[in-house]
N, C-alpha and C. Protein backbone atom coordinates (compact mmCIF):
# COMPACT_ATOMS: atom_id res chain seq x y z
N TYR A 1 12.56 -1.61 -3.52
CA TYR A 1 13.70 -1.13 -2.78
C TYR A 1 13.26 -0.13 -1.70
N ILE A 2 12.41 0.80 -2.08
CA ILE A 2 11.97 1.83 -1.13
C ILE A 2 11.19 1.21 0.02
N LEU A 3 10.25 0.33 -0.31
CA LEU A 3 9.46 -0.31 0.73
C LEU A 3 10.35 -1.17 1.64
N ALA A 4 11.26 -1.92 1.05
CA ALA A 4 12.17 -2.75 1.85
C ALA A 4 13.02 -1.89 2.78
N LYS A 5 13.46 -0.76 2.29
CA LYS A 5 14.26 0.16 3.10
C LYS A 5 13.43 0.72 4.26
N ASN A 6 12.18 1.10 3.97
CA ASN A 6 11.30 1.60 5.03
C ASN A 6 11.09 0.56 6.11
N ILE A 7 10.81 -0.66 5.69
CA ILE A 7 10.56 -1.75 6.65
C ILE A 7 11.81 -2.05 7.46
N SER A 8 12.96 -2.02 6.81
CA SER A 8 14.22 -2.28 7.52
C SER A 8 14.47 -1.24 8.60
N ARG A 9 14.17 0.00 8.30
CA ARG A 9 14.44 1.09 9.25
C ARG A 9 13.34 1.27 10.30
N HIS A 10 12.07 1.04 9.91
CA HIS A 10 10.95 1.40 10.79
C HIS A 10 10.06 0.23 11.18
N GLY A 11 10.35 -0.96 10.67
CA GLY A 11 9.60 -2.15 11.04
C GLY A 11 8.47 -2.47 10.06
N VAL A 12 7.90 -3.65 10.25
CA VAL A 12 6.79 -4.11 9.42
C VAL A 12 5.51 -3.52 9.99
N ASN A 13 5.03 -2.45 9.35
CA ASN A 13 3.82 -1.78 9.83
C ASN A 13 3.22 -0.96 8.69
N TRP A 14 2.02 -0.47 8.91
CA TRP A 14 1.33 0.28 7.86
C TRP A 14 1.94 1.66 7.66
N THR A 15 2.63 2.17 8.65
CA THR A 15 3.32 3.45 8.47
C THR A 15 4.42 3.30 7.42
N SER A 16 5.15 2.20 7.46
CA SER A 16 6.19 1.94 6.46
C SER A 16 5.59 1.82 5.07
N VAL A 17 4.44 1.17 4.98
CA VAL A 17 3.77 1.03 3.69
C VAL A 17 3.33 2.40 3.18
N GLY A 18 2.71 3.18 4.03
CA GLY A 18 2.26 4.51 3.63
C GLY A 18 3.40 5.43 3.25
N ALA A 19 4.54 5.26 3.92
CA ALA A 19 5.70 6.09 3.63
C ALA A 19 6.30 5.75 2.27
N TYR A 20 6.01 4.58 1.74
CA TYR A 20 6.44 4.24 0.39
C TYR A 20 5.92 5.29 -0.59
N ASN A 21 4.74 5.78 -0.34
CA ASN A 21 4.11 6.77 -1.21
C ASN A 21 4.35 8.21 -0.76
N ALA A 22 4.32 8.45 0.55
CA ALA A 22 4.30 9.82 1.05
C ALA A 22 5.52 10.23 1.86
N GLY A 23 6.40 9.31 2.17
CA GLY A 23 7.56 9.65 2.98
C GLY A 23 7.22 9.73 4.46
N PHE A 24 8.22 10.03 5.26
CA PHE A 24 8.06 10.02 6.72
C PHE A 24 7.91 11.40 7.35
N LYS A 25 7.94 12.46 6.57
CA LYS A 25 7.79 13.79 7.16
C LYS A 25 6.44 13.90 7.87
N GLN A 26 6.44 14.58 9.00
CA GLN A 26 5.21 14.75 9.78
C GLN A 26 4.11 15.41 8.95
N ALA A 27 4.49 16.33 8.07
CA ALA A 27 3.51 17.04 7.24
C ALA A 27 2.80 16.10 6.27
N ASN A 28 3.38 14.94 6.01
CA ASN A 28 2.79 13.98 5.07
C ASN A 28 1.98 12.89 5.77
N LYS A 29 1.75 13.03 7.05
CA LYS A 29 1.07 11.99 7.82
C LYS A 29 -0.29 11.63 7.22
N LYS A 30 -1.06 12.63 6.83
CA LYS A 30 -2.40 12.39 6.27
C LYS A 30 -2.30 11.57 4.97
N ASN A 31 -1.39 11.94 4.09
CA ASN A 31 -1.22 11.21 2.83
C ASN A 31 -0.66 9.81 3.05
N ARG A 32 0.21 9.68 4.04
CA ARG A 32 0.77 8.37 4.38
C ARG A 32 -0.33 7.42 4.83
N LEU A 33 -1.22 7.91 5.69
CA LEU A 33 -2.33 7.10 6.18
C LEU A 33 -3.31 6.77 5.05
N LYS A 34 -3.58 7.74 4.21
CA LYS A 34 -4.50 7.52 3.09
C LYS A 34 -3.98 6.42 2.17
N TYR A 35 -2.69 6.45 1.85
CA TYR A 35 -2.11 5.43 0.98
C TYR A 35 -2.11 4.06 1.66
N ALA A 36 -1.76 4.01 2.93
CA ALA A 36 -1.74 2.74 3.66
C ALA A 36 -3.14 2.12 3.69
N LYS A 37 -4.17 2.93 3.87
CA LYS A 37 -5.54 2.43 3.87
C LYS A 37 -5.92 1.88 2.50
N LYS A 38 -5.48 2.56 1.45
CA LYS A 38 -5.77 2.09 0.09
C LYS A 38 -5.13 0.72 -0.16
N VAL A 39 -3.89 0.56 0.26
CA VAL A 39 -3.20 -0.73 0.11
C VAL A 39 -3.90 -1.79 0.95
N TYR A 40 -4.30 -1.44 2.16
CA TYR A 40 -4.96 -2.39 3.05
C TYR A 40 -6.29 -2.86 2.47
N ARG A 41 -7.05 -1.94 1.86
CA ARG A 41 -8.32 -2.33 1.21
C ARG A 41 -8.08 -3.33 0.09
N LYS A 42 -7.05 -3.10 -0.70
CA LYS A 42 -6.72 -4.04 -1.78
C LYS A 42 -6.30 -5.39 -1.21
N TYR A 43 -5.56 -5.35 -0.13
CA TYR A 43 -5.14 -6.58 0.54
C TYR A 43 -6.36 -7.37 1.01
N LEU A 44 -7.33 -6.69 1.60
CA LEU A 44 -8.55 -7.36 2.05
C LEU A 44 -9.33 -7.91 0.87
N ASP A 45 -9.36 -7.19 -0.25
CA ASP A 45 -10.01 -7.70 -1.45
C ASP A 45 -9.38 -9.01 -1.90
N LEU A 46 -8.06 -9.05 -1.86
CA LEU A 46 -7.36 -10.28 -2.25
C LEU A 46 -7.70 -11.43 -1.31
N LEU A 47 -7.77 -11.15 -0.02
CA LEU A 47 -8.13 -12.18 0.95
C LEU A 47 -9.58 -12.63 0.79
N GLY A 48 -10.42 -11.69 0.37
CA GLY A 48 -11.85 -11.97 0.28
C GLY A 48 -12.28 -12.70 -0.98
N GLY A 49 -11.35 -13.11 -1.80
CA GLY A 49 -11.71 -13.88 -2.96
C GLY A 49 -11.82 -13.09 -4.25
N ASN A 50 -11.51 -11.80 -4.21
CA ASN A 50 -11.55 -10.99 -5.41
C ASN A 50 -10.22 -10.99 -6.13
N ARG A 51 -9.34 -11.88 -5.77
CA ARG A 51 -7.98 -11.92 -6.31
C ARG A 51 -7.98 -12.00 -7.82
N GLU A 52 -8.78 -12.88 -8.39
CA GLU A 52 -8.80 -13.07 -9.83
C GLU A 52 -9.25 -11.80 -10.55
N VAL A 53 -10.26 -11.14 -10.01
CA VAL A 53 -10.76 -9.90 -10.61
C VAL A 53 -9.67 -8.83 -10.59
N ILE A 54 -9.00 -8.70 -9.46
CA ILE A 54 -7.95 -7.69 -9.33
C ILE A 54 -6.80 -7.98 -10.29
N ILE A 55 -6.39 -9.22 -10.38
CA ILE A 55 -5.30 -9.59 -11.30
C ILE A 55 -5.71 -9.33 -12.74
N GLU A 56 -6.92 -9.66 -13.10
CA GLU A 56 -7.40 -9.42 -14.46
C GLU A 56 -7.41 -7.94 -14.78
N ARG A 57 -7.91 -7.13 -13.89
CA ARG A 57 -7.94 -5.67 -14.12
C ARG A 57 -6.53 -5.11 -14.25
N ALA A 58 -5.65 -5.56 -13.38
CA ALA A 58 -4.27 -5.06 -13.41
C ALA A 58 -3.59 -5.47 -14.71
N SER A 59 -3.87 -6.67 -15.19
CA SER A 59 -3.24 -7.13 -16.43
C SER A 59 -3.71 -6.32 -17.63
N ARG A 60 -4.89 -5.73 -17.54
CA ARG A 60 -5.41 -4.86 -18.62
C ARG A 60 -4.97 -3.41 -18.43
N GLY A 61 -4.24 -3.15 -17.35
CA GLY A 61 -3.77 -1.80 -17.09
C GLY A 61 -4.81 -0.91 -16.42
N GLU A 62 -5.89 -1.51 -15.96
CA GLU A 62 -6.95 -0.75 -15.28
C GLU A 62 -6.58 -0.54 -13.82
N GLY A 63 -7.15 0.47 -13.23
CA GLY A 63 -6.96 0.69 -11.80
C GLY A 63 -7.63 -0.41 -11.02
N VAL A 64 -7.00 -0.81 -9.96
CA VAL A 64 -7.57 -1.83 -9.10
C VAL A 64 -7.83 -1.23 -7.77
């Protein structure tokens, strides 16, 4: 819901993704960028063929 709301208001971009975690306040810009980069790295892992490993780790409750 939060991510969908961010995207609806601010568009499909990494700022909206980062704001899911850190919000849109200017003071949170660093944390917003940090979270967006973390999500982007996981996205690249999924594209790079590590999808099965990530899904397996997540199913065991491990950090991915």
